[in-house]
C-alpha atoms as a PDB file:
ATOM      1  CA  MET A   1       0.000   0.000   0.000  1.00  0.00           C
ATOM      2  CA  THR A   2       1.243   3.512  -0.748  1.00  0.00           C
ATOM      3  CA  ILE A   3       0.742   6.319   1.745  1.00  0.00           C
ATOM      4  CA  LYS A   4       0.544   9.879   0.473  1.00  0.00           C
ATOM      5  CA  HIS A   5       2.336  12.395   2.668  1.00  0.00           C
ATOM      6  CA  ASP A   6       2.750  16.018   1.563  1.00  0.00           C
ATOM      7  CA  GLY A   7       3.625  15.037  -1.990  1.00  0.00           C
ATOM      8  CA  LEU A   8       5.687  11.996  -1.025  1.00  0.00           C
ATOM      9  CA  ASP A   9       4.663   8.443  -1.877  1.00  0.00           C
ATOM     10  CA  VAL A  10       5.695   6.213   1.034  1.00  0.00           C
ATOM     11  CA  SER A  11       5.529   2.411   1.211  1.00  0.00           C
ATOM     12  CA  TRP A  12       6.636   0.038   3.952  1.00  0.00           C
ATOM     13  CA  LEU A  13       7.616  -3.181   2.180  1.00  0.00           C
ATOM     14  CA  GLY A  14       8.370  -5.217   5.295  1.00  0.00           C
ATOM     15  CA  TYR A  15      11.147  -5.544   7.907  1.00  0.00           C
ATOM     16  CA  ALA A  16      13.043  -2.227   7.676  1.00  0.00           C
ATOM     17  CA  THR A  17      12.427  -1.639   3.965  1.00  0.00           C
ATOM     18  CA  VAL A  18      10.750   1.650   3.097  1.00  0.00           C
ATOM     19  CA  ARG A  19      10.388   3.207  -0.345  1.00  0.00           C
ATOM     20  CA  ILE A  20       9.900   6.975  -0.668  1.00  0.00           C
ATOM     21  CA  GLU A  21       9.276   8.782  -3.932  1.00  0.00           C
ATOM     22  CA  SER A  22       9.320  12.558  -4.336  1.00  0.00           C
ATOM     23  CA  PRO A  23       6.926  14.498  -6.615  1.00  0.00           C
ATOM     24  CA  ASP A  24       9.806  14.706  -9.119  1.00  0.00           C
ATOM     25  CA  GLY A  25      10.167  10.936  -9.194  1.00  0.00           C
ATOM     26  CA  PHE A  26      13.347  10.626  -7.101  1.00  0.00           C
ATOM     27  CA  VAL A  27      13.193   7.303  -5.243  1.00  0.00           C
ATOM     28  CA  VAL A  28      14.860   6.472  -1.935  1.00  0.00           C
ATOM     29  CA  TYR A  29      14.982   3.059  -0.260  1.00  0.00           C
ATOM     30  CA  PHE A  30      15.830   2.535   3.390  1.00  0.00           C
ATOM     31  CA  ASP A  31      17.413  -0.834   4.312  1.00  0.00           C
ATOM     32  CA  PRO A  32      16.020  -2.984   1.485  1.00  0.00           C
ATOM     33  CA  GLY A  33      15.555  -6.704   1.895  1.00  0.00           C
ATOM     34  CA  ARG A  34      15.976  -9.790   4.059  1.00  0.00           C
ATOM     35  CA  TYR A  35      13.462 -12.365   5.296  1.00  0.00           C
ATOM     36  CA  GLY A  36      11.731 -12.591   1.928  1.00  0.00           C
ATOM     37  CA  VAL A  37      10.148  -9.147   2.105  1.00  0.00           C
ATOM     38  CA  LEU A  38      11.232  -8.378  -1.461  1.00  0.00           C
ATOM     39  CA  ASP A  39      10.476 -11.753  -3.020  1.00  0.00           C
ATOM     40  CA  ASP A  40       9.298 -11.152  -6.614  1.00  0.00           C
ATOM     41  CA  TYR A  41       9.947  -7.415  -6.235  1.00  0.00           C
ATOM     42  CA  TYR A  42      12.227  -6.082  -8.977  1.00  0.00           C
ATOM     43  CA  ALA A  43      11.437  -2.381  -9.236  1.00  0.00           C
ATOM     44  CA  ARG A  44      15.028  -1.287  -9.992  1.00  0.00           C
ATOM     45  CA  ASP A  45      13.871   2.315  -9.661  1.00  0.00           C
ATOM     46  CA  GLY A  46      15.886   3.463  -6.635  1.00  0.00           C
ATOM     47  CA  ASP A  47      18.063   6.532  -7.050  1.00  0.00           C
ATOM     48  CA  LEU A  48      19.375   6.396  -3.482  1.00  0.00           C
ATOM     49  CA  ILE A  49      19.756   3.331  -1.269  1.00  0.00           C
ATOM     50  CA  LEU A  50      20.507   3.819   2.450  1.00  0.00           C
ATOM     51  CA  VAL A  51      21.880   0.979   4.588  1.00  0.00           C
ATOM     52  CA  THR A  52      22.198   1.328   8.349  1.00  0.00           C
ATOM     53  CA  HIS A  53      24.125  -1.773   9.480  1.00  0.00           C
ATOM     54  CA  ASN A  54      25.078  -5.408   8.898  1.00  0.00           C
ATOM     55  CA  HIS A  55      21.718  -6.839   9.985  1.00  0.00           C
ATOM     56  CA  HIS A  56      19.962  -4.867   7.251  1.00  0.00           C
ATOM     57  CA  TYR A  57      22.534  -5.333   4.489  1.00  0.00           C
ATOM     58  CA  ASP A  58      21.222  -7.473   1.628  1.00  0.00           C
ATOM     59  CA  SER A  59      23.200  -7.040  -1.591  1.00  0.00           C
ATOM     60  CA  ASP A  60      20.734  -9.100  -3.663  1.00  0.00           C
ATOM     61  CA  ALA A  61      17.868  -6.881  -2.501  1.00  0.00           C
ATOM     62  CA  ILE A  62      19.847  -3.757  -3.357  1.00  0.00           C
ATOM     63  CA  GLU A  63      20.192  -5.040  -6.909  1.00  0.00           C
ATOM     64  CA  GLN A  64      16.423  -5.658  -6.971  1.00  0.00           C
ATOM     65  CA  VAL A  65      15.582  -2.064  -6.044  1.00  0.00           C
ATOM     66  CA  ALA A  66      18.450   0.038  -7.414  1.00  0.00           C
ATOM     67  CA  ASP A  67      18.426   1.842 -10.732  1.00  0.00           C
ATOM     68  CA  ALA A  68      21.578   1.358 -12.810  1.00  0.00           C
ATOM     69  CA  ASP A  69      22.715   4.879 -11.856  1.00  0.00           C
ATOM     70  CA  ALA A  70      21.851   4.564  -8.167  1.00  0.00           C
ATOM     71  CA  THR A  71      23.991   5.696  -5.268  1.00  0.00           C
ATOM     72  CA  VAL A  72      24.305   3.347  -2.301  1.00  0.00           C
ATOM     73  CA  VAL A  73      25.094   5.030   1.016  1.00  0.00           C
ATOM     74  CA  ALA A  74      26.136   2.515   3.657  1.00  0.00           C
ATOM     75  CA  PHE A  75      27.389   2.915   7.190  1.00  0.00           C
ATOM     76  CA  GLU A  76      31.153   2.450   7.434  1.00  0.00           C
ATOM     77  CA  GLY A  77      30.705  -0.575   9.703  1.00  0.00           C
ATOM     78  CA  VAL A  78      28.823  -2.633   7.109  1.00  0.00           C
ATOM     79  CA  ASP A  79      31.324  -5.424   6.405  1.00  0.00           C
ATOM     80  CA  ALA A  80      30.551  -8.460   4.257  1.00  0.00           C
ATOM     81  CA  ALA A  81      33.387 -10.378   5.929  1.00  0.00           C
ATOM     82  CA  THR A  82      31.561 -10.270   9.262  1.00  0.00           C
ATOM     83  CA  ILE A  83      28.117 -11.186   7.896  1.00  0.00           C
ATOM     84  CA  ASP A  84      27.126 -14.847   8.133  1.00  0.00           C
ATOM     85  CA  ARG A  85      25.144 -14.650   4.903  1.00  0.00           C
ATOM     86  CA  ASP A  86      26.193 -14.704   1.250  1.00  0.00           C
ATOM     87  CA  VAL A  87      26.495 -11.014   0.395  1.00  0.00           C
ATOM     88  CA  VAL A  88      28.593  -8.971  -2.008  1.00  0.00           C
ATOM     89  CA  PRO A  89      30.899  -6.407  -0.353  1.00  0.00           C
ATOM     90  CA  VAL A  90      29.519  -2.882  -0.573  1.00  0.00           C
ATOM     91  CA  GLU A  91      32.410  -1.676  -2.722  1.00  0.00           C
ATOM     92  CA  ASP A  92      31.804  -4.488  -5.232  1.00  0.00           C
ATOM     93  CA  LEU A  93      28.219  -3.460  -5.920  1.00  0.00           C
ATOM     94  CA  PRO A  94      27.701  -2.179  -9.494  1.00  0.00           C
ATOM     95  CA  TYR A  95      26.725   1.314  -8.284  1.00  0.00           C
ATOM     96  CA  GLU A  96      28.336   4.415  -6.887  1.00  0.00           C
ATOM     97  CA  THR A  97      28.947   3.646  -3.219  1.00  0.00           C
ATOM     98  CA  VAL A  98      29.533   6.056  -0.368  1.00  0.00           C
ATOM     99  CA  ARG A  99      30.478   5.230   3.212  1.00  0.00           C
ATOM    100  CA  VAL A 100      29.323   7.339   6.145  1.00  0.00           C
ATOM    101  CA  GLY A 101      30.173   7.465   9.819  1.00  0.00           C
ATOM    102  CA  GLU A 102      27.888   8.284  12.729  1.00  0.00           C
ATOM    103  CA  GLU A 103      27.584  11.987  12.015  1.00  0.00           C
ATOM    104  CA  ASP A 104      28.082  12.772   8.347  1.00  0.00           C
ATOM    105  CA  HIS A 105      26.232  14.812   5.748  1.00  0.00           C
ATOM    106  CA  LEU A 106      26.064  14.472   1.986  1.00  0.00           C
ATOM    107  CA  THR A 107      23.776  15.377  -0.886  1.00  0.00           C
ATOM    108  CA  VAL A 108      22.633  12.865  -3.481  1.00  0.00           C
ATOM    109  CA  GLY A 109      20.510  14.328  -6.239  1.00  0.00           C
ATOM    110  CA  GLU A 110      17.704  16.263  -4.587  1.00  0.00           C
ATOM    111  CA  VAL A 111      18.171  14.614  -1.184  1.00  0.00           C
ATOM    112  CA  ASP A 112      20.241  15.779   1.776  1.00  0.00           C
ATOM    113  CA  VAL A 113      21.326  12.893   3.980  1.00  0.00           C
ATOM    114  CA  TRP A 114      22.531  13.055   7.571  1.00  0.00           C
ATOM    115  CA  SER A 115      23.735   9.962   9.412  1.00  0.00           C
ATOM    116  CA  LEU A 116      23.117   9.702  13.147  1.00  0.00           C
ATOM    117  CA  PRO A 117      24.335   7.378  15.916  1.00  0.00           C
ATOM    118  CA  ALA A 118      22.259   4.231  16.487  1.00  0.00           C
ATOM    119  CA  PHE A 119      23.000   1.824  19.314  1.00  0.00           C
ATOM    120  CA  ASN A 120      21.791   0.058  22.448  1.00  0.00           C
ATOM    121  CA  ASP A 121      22.702   1.431  25.841  1.00  0.00           C
ATOM    122  CA  PRO A 122      24.753  -1.318  27.551  1.00  0.00           C
ATOM    123  CA  ASP A 123      22.977  -0.409  30.790  1.00  0.00           C
ATOM    124  CA  GLY A 124      19.561  -0.259  29.141  1.00  0.00           C
ATOM    125  CA  PRO A 125      16.754  -2.789  28.642  1.00  0.00           C
ATOM    126  CA  HIS A 126      17.366  -3.749  25.011  1.00  0.00           C
ATOM    127  CA  LEU A 127      19.947  -6.493  25.332  1.00  0.00           C
ATOM    128  CA  ARG A 128      19.958 -10.176  24.394  1.00  0.00           C
ATOM    129  CA  ASP A 129      21.138 -12.550  27.110  1.00  0.00           C
ATOM    130  CA  GLY A 130      22.824  -9.562  28.723  1.00  0.00           C
ATOM    131  CA  ASP A 131      24.768  -8.663  25.587  1.00  0.00           C
ATOM    132  CA  VAL A 132      24.553  -5.513  23.476  1.00  0.00           C
ATOM    133  CA  VAL A 133      23.293  -6.505  20.029  1.00  0.00           C
ATOM    134  CA  HIS A 134      23.833  -3.057  18.539  1.00  0.00           C
ATOM    135  CA  PRO A 135      26.925  -1.539  20.180  1.00  0.00           C
ATOM    136  CA  ARG A 136      27.952   2.002  19.357  1.00  0.00           C
ATOM    137  CA  GLY A 137      29.823   2.026  16.061  1.00  0.00           C
ATOM    138  CA  PHE A 138      27.907  -0.951  14.658  1.00  0.00           C
ATOM    139  CA  GLY A 139      25.311   1.076  12.769  1.00  0.00           C
ATOM    140  CA  CYS A 140      23.640   4.411  12.171  1.00  0.00           C
ATOM    141  CA  GLY A 141      20.281   6.032  11.620  1.00  0.00           C
ATOM    142  CA  PHE A 142      19.357   8.419   8.806  1.00  0.00           C
ATOM    143  CA  HIS A 143      17.654  11.803   8.720  1.00  0.00           C
ATOM    144  CA  ILE A 144      16.940  12.992   5.181  1.00  0.00           C
ATOM    145  CA  SER A 145      15.447  16.031   3.516  1.00  0.00           C
ATOM    146  CA  ILE A 146      13.479  15.316   0.340  1.00  0.00           C
ATOM    147  CA  ALA A 147      11.070  17.646  -1.453  1.00  0.00           C
ATOM    148  CA  ASP A 148      11.158  20.061   1.509  1.00  0.00           C
ATOM    149  CA  ARG A 149      10.093  17.282   3.874  1.00  0.00           C
ATOM    150  CA  THR A 150      12.245  15.574   6.491  1.00  0.00           C
ATOM    151  CA  VAL A 151      12.206  11.834   7.170  1.00  0.00           C
ATOM    152  CA  PHE A 152      13.776  10.165  10.211  1.00  0.00           C
ATOM    153  CA  TRP A 153      14.661   6.477  10.385  1.00  0.00           C
ATOM    154  CA  PRO A 154      16.492   5.853  13.697  1.00  0.00           C
ATOM    155  CA  GLY A 155      17.778   2.455  12.598  1.00  0.00           C
ATOM    156  CA  ASP A 156      18.179  -0.326  15.142  1.00  0.00           C
ATOM    157  CA  SER A 157      18.605   1.778  18.219  1.00  0.00           C
ATOM    158  CA  ASP A 158      17.392   2.848  21.610  1.00  0.00           C
ATOM    159  CA  VAL A 159      15.956   6.336  21.920  1.00  0.00           C
ATOM    160  CA  LEU A 160      19.091   8.464  22.200  1.00  0.00           C
ATOM    161  CA  ALA A 161      20.000  11.905  23.452  1.00  0.00           C
ATOM    162  CA  GLY A 162      19.874  14.234  20.468  1.00  0.00           C
ATOM    163  CA  HIS A 163      16.857  12.659  18.807  1.00  0.00           C
ATOM    164  CA  GLU A 164      14.654  15.263  20.482  1.00  0.00           C
ATOM    165  CA  HIS A 165      16.367  18.076  18.567  1.00  0.00           C
ATOM    166  CA  LEU A 166      15.506  16.762  15.104  1.00  0.00           C
ATOM    167  CA  GLU A 167      12.989  18.492  12.861  1.00  0.00           C
ATOM    168  CA  VAL A 168      10.909  15.631  11.492  1.00  0.00           C
ATOM    169  CA  SER A 169       8.005  15.617   9.031  1.00  0.00           C
ATOM    170  CA  LEU A 170       7.732  11.824   8.743  1.00  0.00           C
ATOM    171  CA  PHE A 171       8.884   9.572  11.585  1.00  0.00           C
ATOM    172  CA  LEU A 172       9.549   5.968  10.591  1.00  0.00           C
ATOM    173  CA  ALA A 173       9.092   4.549  14.065  1.00  0.00           C
ATOM    174  CA  ASN A 174      11.005   1.398  14.966  1.00  0.00           C
ATOM    175  CA  ILE A 175       8.544  -0.350  17.294  1.00  0.00           C
ATOM    176  CA  GLY A 176       9.812  -3.948  17.317  1.00  0.00           C
ATOM    177  CA  GLY A 177      11.150  -3.839  20.867  1.00  0.00           C
ATOM    178  CA  SER A 178      13.439  -6.580  22.187  1.00  0.00           C
ATOM    179  CA  VAL A 179      16.774  -5.312  20.796  1.00  0.00           C
ATOM    180  CA  VAL A 180      15.453  -1.919  19.610  1.00  0.00           C
ATOM    181  CA  MET A 181      13.160   0.710  21.109  1.00  0.00           C
ATOM    182  CA  ASP A 182       9.734  -0.720  21.896  1.00  0.00           C
ATOM    183  CA  ARG A 183       6.353   0.690  20.921  1.00  0.00           C
ATOM    184  CA  ARG A 184       5.967   2.676  24.139  1.00  0.00           C
ATOM    185  CA  GLU A 185       9.396   4.279  23.837  1.00  0.00           C
ATOM    186  CA  ALA A 186       8.752   5.000  20.166  1.00  0.00           C
ATOM    187  CA  ALA A 187       5.439   6.640  21.086  1.00  0.00           C
ATOM    188  CA  ASP A 188       7.201   8.809  23.664  1.00  0.00           C
ATOM    189  CA  LEU A 189       9.750   9.807  21.026  1.00  0.00           C
ATOM    190  CA  ALA A 190       6.961  10.578  18.564  1.00  0.00           C
ATOM    191  CA  GLU A 191       5.404  12.901  21.121  1.00  0.00           C
ATOM    192  CA  THR A 192       8.748  14.635  21.593  1.00  0.00           C
ATOM    193  CA  LEU A 193       9.404  14.991  17.867  1.00  0.00           C
ATOM    194  CA  ASP A 194       5.822  16.095  17.082  1.00  0.00           C
ATOM    195  CA  PRO A 195       6.060  15.069  13.413  1.00  0.00           C
ATOM    196  CA  ASP A 196       3.381  15.587  10.785  1.00  0.00           C
ATOM    197  CA  LEU A 197       2.998  11.814  10.435  1.00  0.00           C
ATOM    198  CA  VAL A 198       4.225   8.636  12.139  1.00  0.00           C
ATOM    199  CA  LEU A 199       4.558   5.356  10.257  1.00  0.00           C
ATOM    200  CA  PRO A 200       5.596   2.339  12.381  1.00  0.00           C
ATOM    201  CA  ILE A 201       7.913  -0.197  10.722  1.00  0.00           C
ATOM    202  CA  HIS A 202      10.362  -2.995  11.641  1.00  0.00           C
ATOM    203  CA  TYR A 203       7.926  -5.195  13.518  1.00  0.00           C
ATOM    204  CA  ASP A 204       6.377  -8.681  13.232  1.00  0.00           C
ATOM    205  CA  THR A 205       8.615  -9.778  10.332  1.00  0.00           C
ATOM    206  CA  ILE A 206      10.367 -12.252  12.639  1.00  0.00           C
ATOM    207  CA  PRO A 207       9.385 -13.503  16.126  1.00  0.00           C
ATOM    208  CA  LEU A 208      12.012 -11.298  17.779  1.00  0.00           C
ATOM    209  CA  LEU A 209      10.090  -8.222  16.619  1.00  0.00           C
ATOM    210  CA  GLU A 210       6.543  -9.195  17.530  1.00  0.00           C
ATOM    211  CA  THR A 211       4.526  -6.304  18.957  1.00  0.00           C
ATOM    212  CA  ASP A 212       1.057  -4.743  18.895  1.00  0.00           C
ATOM    213  CA  PRO A 213       0.973  -2.092  16.144  1.00  0.00           C
ATOM    214  CA  ASP A 214      -2.669  -1.244  16.820  1.00  0.00           C
ATOM    215  CA  ALA A 215      -1.846  -0.403  20.436  1.00  0.00           C
ATOM    216  CA  PHE A 216       0.987   1.809  19.168  1.00  0.00           C
ATOM    217  CA  VAL A 217      -1.377   3.636  16.833  1.00  0.00           C
ATOM    218  CA  VAL A 218      -3.910   4.230  19.603  1.00  0.00           C
ATOM    219  CA  ASP A 219      -1.155   5.448  21.942  1.00  0.00           C
ATOM    220  CA  VAL A 220       0.247   7.909  19.396  1.00  0.00           C
ATOM    221  CA  ALA A 221      -3.169   9.108  18.225  1.00  0.00           C
ATOM    222  CA  ASN A 222      -4.201   9.765  21.835  1.00  0.00           C
ATOM    223  CA  ARG A 223      -1.256  12.139  22.047  1.00  0.00           C
ATOM    224  CA  GLY A 224      -2.681  14.148  19.142  1.00  0.00           C
ATOM    225  CA  ILE A 225      -0.109  13.007  16.575  1.00  0.00           C
ATOM    226  CA  PRO A 226      -1.160  11.788  13.113  1.00  0.00           C
ATOM    227  CA  VAL A 227      -0.247   8.128  12.683  1.00  0.00           C
ATOM    228  CA  VAL A 228      -0.938   5.498  10.045  1.00  0.00           C
ATOM    229  CA  LEU A 229      -0.383   1.778   9.567  1.00  0.00           C
ATOM    230  CA  ASP A 230       0.845   0.305   6.299  1.00  0.00           C
ATOM    231  CA  ASP A 231       0.394  -3.272   5.132  1.00  0.00           C
ATOM    232  CA  PRO A 232       3.597  -4.602   3.528  1.00  0.00           C
ATOM    233  CA  ASP A 233       1.579  -7.365   1.846  1.00  0.00           C
ATOM    234  CA  GLN A 234      -0.284  -4.770  -0.227  1.00  0.00           C
ATOM    235  CA  VAL A 235       2.413  -3.259  -2.441  1.00  0.00           C
END
């Protein structure tokens, strides 16, 4: 299903994959692929592909969504040698590739891209068997400006100091919980950000990310913030 938001066409395709198209036809993908979410999907229309970290790196999916002249922007920590799946190294992809750190800025076509830190607090609640799944330096989030609108995807992260200062039109809320912020924390962040629209993503694709999206929607709506659900099975 495609959501219309101030001239942008926005689709959640499953897991962390989001497609955004500007009124001028510039297409951005966040974290395409994995877990079959792009089976039989070969759009190859993406001008800009953004990859936050190893867990969301899927080189086959990038080739399914990227236009021949696409630019792939990947966090500097994405490393095929440390991924226990069959993936092509970022630099071997047949596209222009750019690496970013935790706090970088670049412009690709009509889009300004800022990378942001994304990690789990080692003293916080989002650990697995006491271990930090997303340590600092493992990944990033992205804040982009497209068609005079701003989109924030925090990546796989806790709510972090600094998030509250962002100007956000569209908040792609990570509500999966477990090893990322949960739906309640994401709702609190949505209230702080006060965006024009909240779209929850990154939930229910795998058992680790099971949550109640309807409860999230009710929570956010009760705070007076526009919020919408998308169905990744209705592309």
